Protein backbone atom coordinates (compact mmCIF):
# COMPACT_ATOMS: atom_id res chain seq x y z
CA UNK A 1 11.75 -147.27 -31.11
CA UNK A 2 10.21 -149.82 -28.74
CA UNK A 3 12.54 -150.54 -25.82
CA UNK A 4 12.22 -154.16 -24.70
CA UNK A 5 13.83 -156.22 -21.94
CA UNK A 6 13.79 -160.02 -21.97
CA UNK A 7 14.97 -162.04 -18.98
CA UNK A 8 16.79 -165.34 -19.41
CA UNK A 9 17.44 -164.47 -23.03
CA UNK A 10 20.86 -165.90 -23.85
CA UNK A 11 19.35 -169.15 -25.19
CA UNK A 12 16.14 -171.01 -25.99
CA UNK A 13 12.83 -169.18 -26.06
CA UNK A 14 14.33 -165.95 -24.74
CA UNK A 15 16.97 -165.85 -27.45
CA UNK A 16 14.46 -166.56 -30.22
CA UNK A 17 12.06 -163.96 -28.81
CA UNK A 18 14.86 -161.41 -28.85
CA UNK A 19 15.75 -162.29 -32.44
CA UNK A 20 12.15 -161.98 -33.64
CA UNK A 21 11.50 -158.71 -31.80
CA UNK A 22 14.68 -157.15 -33.15
CA UNK A 23 13.52 -158.18 -36.60
CA UNK A 24 10.21 -156.45 -35.83
CA UNK A 25 12.02 -153.22 -34.96
CA UNK A 26 12.43 -153.43 -31.18
CA UNK A 27 15.56 -152.27 -29.41
CA UNK A 28 16.21 -155.28 -27.16
CA UNK A 29 18.03 -155.57 -23.87
CA UNK A 30 19.01 -159.19 -23.41
CA UNK A 31 19.05 -160.15 -19.72
CA UNK A 32 21.33 -163.02 -18.72
CA UNK A 33 23.00 -164.18 -15.51
CA UNK A 34 26.18 -165.36 -17.22
CA UNK A 35 28.03 -162.33 -18.57
CA UNK A 36 30.00 -164.25 -21.20
CA UNK A 37 26.98 -166.03 -22.63
CA UNK A 38 24.86 -162.92 -22.43
CA UNK A 39 27.37 -160.78 -24.26
CA UNK A 40 27.90 -163.44 -26.94
CA UNK A 41 24.15 -163.82 -27.49
CA UNK A 42 23.63 -160.07 -27.63
CA UNK A 43 26.46 -159.65 -30.13
CA UNK A 44 25.03 -162.40 -32.33
CA UNK A 45 21.63 -160.71 -32.42
CA UNK A 46 22.48 -157.03 -32.39
CA UNK A 47 20.96 -156.67 -28.92
CA UNK A 48 22.36 -155.09 -25.76
CA UNK A 49 23.33 -157.35 -22.90
CA UNK A 50 22.40 -156.39 -19.36
CA UNK A 51 23.65 -158.55 -16.47
CA UNK A 52 20.52 -159.81 -14.74
CA UNK A 53 19.85 -162.49 -12.16
CA UNK A 54 16.15 -162.40 -11.29
CA UNK A 55 16.81 -164.16 -7.97
CA UNK A 56 19.01 -161.31 -6.74
CA UNK A 57 17.59 -157.96 -5.58
CA UNK A 58 20.82 -156.08 -6.22
CA UNK A 59 21.20 -157.48 -9.74
CA UNK A 60 17.63 -156.54 -10.67
CA UNK A 61 18.01 -153.05 -9.21
CA UNK A 62 21.27 -152.55 -11.10
CA UNK A 63 19.64 -153.63 -14.37
CA UNK A 64 16.79 -151.19 -13.82
CA UNK A 65 19.22 -148.38 -13.08
CA UNK A 66 21.24 -149.22 -16.20
CA UNK A 67 18.23 -149.10 -18.52
CA UNK A 68 16.90 -145.96 -16.84
CA UNK A 69 20.23 -144.22 -17.37
CA UNK A 70 20.47 -145.26 -21.02
CA UNK A 71 16.82 -145.06 -22.10
CA UNK A 72 14.78 -143.38 -19.41
CA UNK A 73 11.86 -145.69 -20.24
CA UNK A 74 10.92 -149.31 -20.86
CA UNK A 75 8.08 -150.25 -23.21
CA UNK A 76 8.00 -154.05 -23.04
CA UNK A 77 9.06 -156.46 -20.30
CA UNK A 78 9.17 -160.17 -21.09
CA UNK A 79 9.55 -162.23 -17.91
CA UNK A 80 10.96 -165.34 -19.56
CA UNK A 81 13.55 -166.59 -17.05
CA UNK A 82 12.51 -169.87 -15.47
CA UNK A 83 13.77 -173.20 -14.15
CA UNK A 84 12.21 -176.64 -14.11
CA UNK A 85 13.48 -177.93 -10.79
CA UNK A 86 12.85 -181.52 -9.81
CA UNK A 87 9.89 -183.68 -10.72
CA UNK A 88 10.43 -186.03 -7.78
CA UNK A 89 7.37 -187.88 -6.57
CA UNK A 90 5.29 -185.47 -4.45
CA UNK A 91 5.78 -187.62 -1.34
CA UNK A 92 9.56 -187.23 -1.75
CA UNK A 93 9.55 -183.52 -2.57
CA UNK A 94 11.14 -181.23 0.01
CA UNK A 95 10.19 -177.64 0.73
CA UNK A 96 13.64 -176.35 -0.23
CA UNK A 97 13.27 -177.87 -3.71
CA UNK A 98 10.00 -176.03 -4.23
CA UNK A 99 11.42 -172.82 -2.78
CA UNK A 100 14.29 -172.90 -5.28
CA UNK A 101 11.86 -173.06 -8.22
CA UNK A 102 9.67 -170.29 -6.80
CA UNK A 103 12.71 -168.05 -6.29
CA UNK A 104 13.13 -167.81 -10.07
CA UNK A 105 9.69 -168.54 -11.51
CA UNK A 106 7.53 -166.55 -9.09
CA UNK A 107 9.57 -164.29 -6.82
CA UNK A 108 11.75 -163.40 -9.81
CA UNK A 109 8.73 -161.97 -11.61
CA UNK A 110 7.64 -160.01 -8.54
CA UNK A 111 11.18 -158.70 -8.15
CA UNK A 112 11.25 -157.61 -11.80
CA UNK A 113 7.83 -155.98 -11.60
CA UNK A 114 8.74 -154.01 -8.50
CA UNK A 115 11.93 -152.71 -10.10
CA UNK A 116 10.65 -152.01 -13.61
CA UNK A 117 7.06 -150.79 -13.21
CA UNK A 118 8.31 -147.20 -12.68
CA UNK A 119 10.14 -147.35 -16.04
CA UNK A 120 7.21 -149.03 -17.79
CA UNK A 121 4.91 -146.37 -16.40
CA UNK A 122 6.78 -143.81 -18.51
CA UNK A 123 5.84 -145.67 -21.70
CA UNK A 124 2.88 -144.60 -23.81
CA UNK A 125 1.92 -148.28 -24.22
CA UNK A 126 3.48 -150.47 -21.50
CA UNK A 127 3.38 -154.22 -22.10
CA UNK A 128 4.31 -157.12 -19.80
CA UNK A 129 4.44 -160.72 -20.98
CA UNK A 130 4.89 -163.43 -18.36
CA UNK A 131 5.97 -166.78 -19.75
CA UNK A 132 3.80 -169.44 -18.14
CA UNK A 133 3.01 -173.04 -19.02
CA UNK A 134 0.13 -175.39 -19.62
CA UNK A 135 1.55 -177.19 -16.57
CA UNK A 136 0.21 -174.30 -14.50
CA UNK A 137 -3.35 -174.71 -15.78
CA UNK A 138 -5.74 -176.66 -13.55
CA UNK A 139 -7.91 -177.42 -16.57
CA UNK A 140 -5.07 -178.69 -18.76
CA UNK A 141 -3.37 -180.80 -16.09
CA UNK A 142 -6.73 -182.43 -15.27
CA UNK A 143 -7.47 -183.31 -18.90
CA UNK A 144 -6.47 -186.94 -19.61
CA UNK A 145 -6.15 -186.11 -23.31
CA UNK A 146 -3.35 -183.62 -22.62
CA UNK A 147 0.29 -184.64 -22.22
CA UNK A 148 0.56 -182.29 -19.24
CA UNK A 149 -1.85 -184.49 -17.27
CA UNK A 150 0.71 -187.28 -17.21
CA UNK A 151 3.47 -185.20 -15.62
CA UNK A 152 3.34 -185.07 -11.84
CA UNK A 153 5.38 -182.67 -9.76
CA UNK A 154 5.05 -179.98 -7.13
CA UNK A 155 7.52 -177.15 -7.77
CA UNK A 156 7.29 -176.29 -11.46
CA UNK A 157 3.54 -176.81 -12.03
CA UNK A 158 2.50 -174.91 -8.91
CA UNK A 159 4.95 -172.10 -9.68
CA UNK A 160 3.32 -171.61 -13.08
CA UNK A 161 -0.13 -171.64 -11.47
CA UNK A 162 1.13 -168.83 -9.24
CA UNK A 163 2.33 -166.95 -12.35
CA UNK A 164 -1.23 -167.09 -13.70
CA UNK A 165 -2.62 -165.54 -10.53
CA UNK A 166 -0.04 -162.80 -10.13
CA UNK A 167 -0.53 -161.91 -13.80
CA UNK A 168 -4.26 -161.26 -13.26
CA UNK A 169 -3.55 -159.27 -10.11
CA UNK A 170 -1.00 -157.02 -11.80
CA UNK A 171 -3.38 -156.59 -14.74
CA UNK A 172 -6.15 -155.38 -12.43
CA UNK A 173 -3.81 -153.12 -10.49
CA UNK A 174 -2.26 -151.57 -13.61
CA UNK A 175 -5.19 -150.83 -15.95
CA UNK A 176 -3.05 -148.79 -18.38
CA UNK A 177 -0.66 -151.71 -18.83
CA UNK A 178 -1.21 -154.76 -21.05
CA UNK A 179 -0.23 -157.64 -18.73
CA UNK A 180 -0.69 -161.21 -19.99
CA UNK A 181 0.66 -164.72 -19.49
CA UNK A 182 1.51 -167.07 -22.35
CA UNK A 183 2.10 -170.78 -22.76
CA UNK A 184 4.70 -171.47 -25.47
CA UNK A 185 3.77 -175.16 -25.50
CA UNK A 186 6.05 -178.18 -25.28
CA UNK A 187 9.09 -176.59 -26.86
CA UNK A 188 12.51 -178.19 -27.21
CA UNK A 189 14.74 -176.27 -24.79
CA UNK A 190 17.34 -177.04 -22.14
CA UNK A 191 14.57 -176.89 -19.53
CA UNK A 192 13.17 -180.22 -20.77
CA UNK A 193 16.39 -181.70 -22.11
CA UNK A 194 15.35 -180.64 -25.63
CA UNK A 195 12.61 -183.27 -25.60
CA UNK A 196 9.86 -180.86 -26.63
CA UNK A 197 7.88 -181.43 -29.80
CA UNK A 198 7.96 -177.78 -30.95
CA UNK A 199 10.85 -175.69 -32.23
CA UNK A 200 11.83 -172.51 -30.40
CA UNK A 201 10.49 -170.56 -33.36
CA UNK A 202 7.07 -172.15 -32.87
CA UNK A 203 7.14 -171.69 -29.11
CA UNK A 204 8.34 -168.10 -29.16
CA UNK A 205 5.66 -167.01 -31.64
CA UNK A 206 3.03 -166.43 -28.92
CA UNK A 207 5.51 -164.46 -26.79
CA UNK A 208 6.41 -162.26 -29.74
CA UNK A 209 2.77 -161.71 -30.65
CA UNK A 210 1.79 -160.63 -27.14
CA UNK A 211 4.86 -158.42 -26.82
CA UNK A 212 3.62 -156.46 -29.82
CA UNK A 213 0.04 -155.74 -28.75
CA UNK A 214 -1.11 -152.13 -28.63
CA UNK A 215 -2.91 -149.99 -26.09
CA UNK A 216 -6.25 -151.59 -26.98
CA UNK A 217 -4.97 -155.16 -26.68
CA UNK A 218 -6.15 -157.73 -24.11
CA UNK A 219 -4.92 -157.78 -20.56
CA UNK A 220 -5.10 -160.23 -17.69
CA UNK A 221 -5.46 -163.18 -20.06
CA UNK A 222 -3.78 -166.54 -20.79
CA UNK A 223 -2.67 -167.21 -24.36
CA UNK A 224 -1.19 -170.43 -25.71
CA UNK A 225 0.76 -171.31 -28.84
CA UNK A 226 -1.50 -174.34 -29.25
CA UNK A 227 -4.76 -172.39 -28.94
CA UNK A 228 -7.13 -171.54 -26.07
CA UNK A 229 -6.57 -173.15 -22.70
CA UNK A 230 -8.32 -172.87 -19.34
CA UNK A 231 -6.73 -171.24 -16.36
């Protein structure tokens, strides 16, 4: 049985990823900050809820200890938790607004990696999927034909650019692991006020696919639901 942990999984892309991976035979731990919502989501899917706030060291450590006690190993980590923050005009953007976004989108991933790499290292085929965005791609956001080029902000786009870089660095440092970043595309979720043009099923498909790669799969790469994109 493949043991999988998904952060921010009580709704949206995380919830759909959990549903699809359970259907594929994974035993899923559904990470969620809100205990009530997490437990309800886990019960609806047949997953196991684990309290998890990626912005809190103690919460992440407790989640790692819980899974270690119950399973002794983790095979797949999906770093899905993320926030959008503000898209105020750059000249009006304050450092604390950017810091808040980074606390979840960037530092949250580093926190999770630090806590869970020892458990992943016990797996015969460890896989890490970081959920990024086309908004983090310099090529995409500079392409006038892409919708992402028309959105201007500091916190969210730069945080997803940072996710791209830390993904490649972890991939190089952990050659036995399959570590990749994915762009689900413009998916209708609470993060964008459900304005996205894709369904969660369409957006989660790339996450699910990369969560299921084997020992010979790619690593250190960017994959998008809509097809190839530049870093």
